[in-house]
Amino acid sequence: VEVEVNGNVLDATRAKVIAELQVKNGNSWIPVAIWTEDNNDFYARVSESHDVVKGHTYRVKGTFMVWEGSASETEYSFSPEITA
């Protein structure tokens, strides 16, 4: 799992990224593992690994947050679904 966020190097005062490995259960997605990196900088990155179960379907949800002083912006992204 690799997730990163880059804010504006001149303006960003904090960057945070959350990577959530999820497994499909019927029509729902269940969290399996969550990793967070929170920096007082313009950049944050998560690079982790986790064992998975063969035959199950997984995806990664990324949450990306950048601050400029007290103002912040948050975006979300999902990886493609992969069956182990």
N, C-alpha and C. Protein backbone atom coordinates (compact mmCIF):
# COMPACT_ATOMS: atom_id res chain seq x y z
N VAL A 1 0.85 -1.17 0.00
CA VAL A 1 0.00 0.00 0.00
C VAL A 1 0.90 1.23 0.00
N GLU A 2 0.72 2.08 -1.00
CA GLU A 2 1.46 3.35 -1.04
C GLU A 2 0.49 4.47 -1.36
N VAL A 3 0.47 5.47 -0.48
CA VAL A 3 -0.41 6.62 -0.63
C VAL A 3 0.39 7.86 -0.22
N GLU A 4 0.29 8.93 -1.01
CA GLU A 4 1.01 10.15 -0.64
C GLU A 4 0.22 11.38 -1.04
N VAL A 5 0.52 12.47 -0.34
CA VAL A 5 -0.10 13.76 -0.65
C VAL A 5 1.00 14.81 -0.72
N ASN A 6 0.89 15.70 -1.70
CA ASN A 6 1.83 16.81 -1.87
C ASN A 6 1.04 18.11 -1.88
N GLY A 7 1.26 18.95 -0.90
CA GLY A 7 0.68 20.28 -0.91
C GLY A 7 1.61 21.25 -1.63
N ASN A 8 1.20 22.48 -1.72
CA ASN A 8 2.04 23.52 -2.32
C ASN A 8 3.23 23.77 -1.39
N VAL A 9 4.43 23.56 -1.91
CA VAL A 9 5.64 23.65 -1.09
C VAL A 9 5.79 25.03 -0.46
N LEU A 10 5.25 26.08 -1.07
CA LEU A 10 5.40 27.43 -0.54
C LEU A 10 4.34 27.79 0.49
N ASP A 11 3.16 27.14 0.42
CA ASP A 11 2.05 27.57 1.26
C ASP A 11 1.58 26.55 2.30
N ALA A 12 1.74 25.27 2.02
CA ALA A 12 1.20 24.24 2.91
C ALA A 12 1.95 24.22 4.23
N THR A 13 1.20 24.15 5.32
CA THR A 13 1.80 24.12 6.67
C THR A 13 1.66 22.76 7.35
N ARG A 14 0.82 21.90 6.79
CA ARG A 14 0.62 20.57 7.36
C ARG A 14 0.04 19.66 6.28
N ALA A 15 0.45 18.40 6.30
CA ALA A 15 -0.08 17.41 5.36
C ALA A 15 -0.34 16.12 6.11
N LYS A 16 -1.46 15.49 5.80
CA LYS A 16 -1.82 14.23 6.45
C LYS A 16 -2.41 13.29 5.42
N VAL A 17 -2.01 12.03 5.49
CA VAL A 17 -2.56 11.02 4.60
C VAL A 17 -2.98 9.82 5.44
N ILE A 18 -4.12 9.25 5.08
CA ILE A 18 -4.62 8.04 5.73
C ILE A 18 -4.83 6.99 4.65
N ALA A 19 -4.24 5.83 4.82
CA ALA A 19 -4.42 4.71 3.90
C ALA A 19 -5.19 3.63 4.63
N GLU A 20 -6.31 3.23 4.06
CA GLU A 20 -7.17 2.22 4.69
C GLU A 20 -7.34 1.04 3.74
N LEU A 21 -6.80 -0.11 4.12
CA LEU A 21 -6.99 -1.34 3.36
C LEU A 21 -8.35 -1.90 3.73
N GLN A 22 -9.19 -2.15 2.72
CA GLN A 22 -10.55 -2.64 2.96
C GLN A 22 -10.77 -3.96 2.23
N VAL A 23 -11.61 -4.82 2.82
CA VAL A 23 -11.98 -6.09 2.20
C VAL A 23 -13.48 -6.05 1.92
N LYS A 24 -13.88 -6.61 0.78
CA LYS A 24 -15.28 -6.61 0.39
C LYS A 24 -16.03 -7.72 1.13
N ASN A 25 -17.19 -7.35 1.68
CA ASN A 25 -18.04 -8.30 2.40
C ASN A 25 -19.46 -8.06 1.91
N GLY A 26 -19.90 -8.85 0.93
CA GLY A 26 -21.20 -8.60 0.32
C GLY A 26 -21.14 -7.30 -0.46
N ASN A 27 -22.02 -6.34 -0.10
CA ASN A 27 -22.01 -5.02 -0.73
C ASN A 27 -21.27 -3.97 0.09
N SER A 28 -20.62 -4.41 1.18
CA SER A 28 -19.94 -3.49 2.08
C SER A 28 -18.42 -3.66 2.00
N TRP A 29 -17.73 -2.62 2.43
CA TRP A 29 -16.28 -2.66 2.54
C TRP A 29 -15.89 -2.52 4.01
N ILE A 30 -15.11 -3.48 4.50
CA ILE A 30 -14.74 -3.54 5.91
C ILE A 30 -13.27 -3.17 6.06
N PRO A 31 -12.92 -2.25 6.98
CA PRO A 31 -11.50 -1.92 7.18
C PRO A 31 -10.72 -3.11 7.73
N VAL A 32 -9.57 -3.35 7.14
CA VAL A 32 -8.67 -4.41 7.59
C VAL A 32 -7.47 -3.80 8.33
N ALA A 33 -6.94 -2.72 7.79
CA ALA A 33 -5.80 -2.04 8.40
C ALA A 33 -5.84 -0.57 8.02
N ILE A 34 -5.37 0.28 8.93
CA ILE A 34 -5.33 1.72 8.68
C ILE A 34 -3.96 2.25 9.10
N TRP A 35 -3.36 3.04 8.20
CA TRP A 35 -2.07 3.67 8.50
C TRP A 35 -2.21 5.18 8.28
N THR A 36 -1.54 5.95 9.13
CA THR A 36 -1.62 7.42 9.05
C THR A 36 -0.23 8.02 9.13
N GLU A 37 -0.01 9.05 8.33
CA GLU A 37 1.19 9.87 8.43
C GLU A 37 0.75 11.33 8.48
N ASP A 38 1.23 12.05 9.48
CA ASP A 38 0.81 13.43 9.72
C ASP A 38 2.06 14.27 9.94
N ASN A 39 2.33 15.22 9.04
CA ASN A 39 3.56 16.02 9.10
C ASN A 39 3.25 17.51 9.12
N ASN A 40 4.06 18.24 9.84
CA ASN A 40 4.00 19.70 9.80
C ASN A 40 4.86 20.16 8.63
N ASP A 41 4.41 19.82 7.45
CA ASP A 41 5.16 20.03 6.22
C ASP A 41 4.17 19.99 5.06
N PHE A 42 4.65 20.04 3.84
CA PHE A 42 3.76 20.02 2.67
C PHE A 42 3.53 18.60 2.14
N TYR A 43 4.20 17.59 2.73
CA TYR A 43 4.22 16.25 2.14
C TYR A 43 4.01 15.19 3.22
N ALA A 44 3.22 14.17 2.89
CA ALA A 44 3.06 13.01 3.77
C ALA A 44 2.90 11.76 2.92
N ARG A 45 3.43 10.64 3.42
CA ARG A 45 3.43 9.41 2.63
C ARG A 45 3.28 8.20 3.55
N VAL A 46 2.48 7.24 3.10
CA VAL A 46 2.35 5.95 3.77
C VAL A 46 2.83 4.88 2.80
N SER A 47 3.69 3.99 3.26
CA SER A 47 4.13 2.84 2.48
C SER A 47 4.18 1.65 3.42
N GLU A 48 3.20 0.76 3.30
CA GLU A 48 3.07 -0.36 4.24
C GLU A 48 2.66 -1.63 3.48
N SER A 49 2.77 -2.75 4.17
CA SER A 49 2.29 -4.01 3.60
C SER A 49 1.43 -4.73 4.63
N HIS A 50 0.57 -5.61 4.13
CA HIS A 50 -0.34 -6.36 5.01
C HIS A 50 -0.70 -7.67 4.32
N ASP A 51 -0.74 -8.75 5.08
CA ASP A 51 -1.15 -10.03 4.52
C ASP A 51 -2.63 -10.00 4.15
N VAL A 52 -2.97 -10.68 3.06
CA VAL A 52 -4.36 -10.77 2.62
C VAL A 52 -4.74 -12.25 2.48
N VAL A 53 -6.03 -12.50 2.33
CA VAL A 53 -6.55 -13.86 2.23
C VAL A 53 -6.91 -14.15 0.78
N LYS A 54 -6.41 -15.26 0.27
CA LYS A 54 -6.67 -15.65 -1.11
C LYS A 54 -8.17 -15.78 -1.35
N GLY A 55 -8.62 -15.26 -2.50
CA GLY A 55 -10.03 -15.33 -2.87
C GLY A 55 -10.85 -14.15 -2.40
N HIS A 56 -10.31 -13.32 -1.53
CA HIS A 56 -11.03 -12.13 -1.06
C HIS A 56 -10.68 -10.92 -1.93
N THR A 57 -11.59 -9.97 -2.01
CA THR A 57 -11.41 -8.78 -2.84
C THR A 57 -11.08 -7.58 -1.95
N TYR A 58 -10.06 -6.83 -2.35
CA TYR A 58 -9.55 -5.72 -1.54
C TYR A 58 -9.49 -4.44 -2.37
N ARG A 59 -9.45 -3.32 -1.65
CA ARG A 59 -9.16 -2.03 -2.25
C ARG A 59 -8.51 -1.17 -1.16
N VAL A 60 -7.94 -0.06 -1.59
CA VAL A 60 -7.36 0.90 -0.64
C VAL A 60 -8.09 2.22 -0.78
N LYS A 61 -8.53 2.76 0.35
CA LYS A 61 -9.11 4.10 0.39
C LYS A 61 -8.04 5.06 0.88
N GLY A 62 -7.79 6.10 0.11
CA GLY A 62 -6.85 7.14 0.51
C GLY A 62 -7.58 8.40 0.91
N THR A 63 -7.21 8.96 2.04
CA THR A 63 -7.72 10.26 2.49
C THR A 63 -6.54 11.22 2.52
N PHE A 64 -6.68 12.35 1.85
CA PHE A 64 -5.58 13.30 1.67
C PHE A 64 -5.98 14.65 2.24
N MET A 65 -5.20 15.17 3.16
CA MET A 65 -5.52 16.46 3.80
C MET A 65 -4.31 17.37 3.76
N VAL A 66 -4.55 18.62 3.40
CA VAL A 66 -3.50 19.64 3.38
C VAL A 66 -4.03 20.89 4.04
N TRP A 67 -3.20 21.52 4.88
CA TRP A 67 -3.57 22.75 5.57
C TRP A 67 -2.70 23.90 5.08
N GLU A 68 -3.30 25.08 5.03
CA GLU A 68 -2.57 26.33 4.86
C GLU A 68 -3.03 27.21 6.01
N GLY A 69 -2.26 27.23 7.08
CA GLY A 69 -2.71 27.87 8.31
C GLY A 69 -3.89 27.10 8.87
N SER A 70 -5.01 27.79 9.11
CA SER A 70 -6.19 27.12 9.66
C SER A 70 -7.13 26.59 8.57
N ALA A 71 -6.87 26.95 7.32
CA ALA A 71 -7.70 26.47 6.20
C ALA A 71 -7.20 25.10 5.76
N SER A 72 -8.15 24.21 5.44
CA SER A 72 -7.74 22.87 5.03
C SER A 72 -8.57 22.39 3.83
N GLU A 73 -8.04 21.40 3.15
CA GLU A 73 -8.73 20.75 2.04
C GLU A 73 -8.55 19.25 2.19
N THR A 74 -9.63 18.51 1.95
CA THR A 74 -9.60 17.05 2.06
C THR A 74 -10.14 16.43 0.78
N GLU A 75 -9.45 15.41 0.29
CA GLU A 75 -9.91 14.66 -0.87
C GLU A 75 -9.78 13.17 -0.58
N TYR A 76 -10.55 12.37 -1.33
CA TYR A 76 -10.56 10.92 -1.15
C TYR A 76 -10.31 10.25 -2.49
N SER A 77 -9.72 9.06 -2.43
CA SER A 77 -9.48 8.29 -3.64
C SER A 77 -9.54 6.81 -3.30
N PHE A 78 -9.98 6.00 -4.28
CA PHE A 78 -10.03 4.56 -4.08
C PHE A 78 -9.21 3.87 -5.17
N SER A 79 -8.47 2.85 -4.78
CA SER A 79 -7.74 2.05 -5.74
C SER A 79 -8.70 1.14 -6.49
N PRO A 80 -8.25 0.55 -7.59
CA PRO A 80 -9.07 -0.50 -8.21
C PRO A 80 -9.25 -1.69 -7.26
N GLU A 81 -10.32 -2.42 -7.43
CA GLU A 81 -10.54 -3.63 -6.62
C GLU A 81 -9.64 -4.75 -7.14
N ILE A 82 -9.02 -5.46 -6.21
CA ILE A 82 -8.11 -6.57 -6.58
C ILE A 82 -8.51 -7.80 -5.77
N THR A 83 -8.65 -8.93 -6.44
CA THR A 83 -8.93 -10.19 -5.77
C THR A 83 -7.63 -10.95 -5.59
N ALA A 84 -7.38 -11.32 -4.36
CA ALA A 84 -6.11 -12.02 -4.02
C ALA A 84 -6.13 -13.44 -4.55
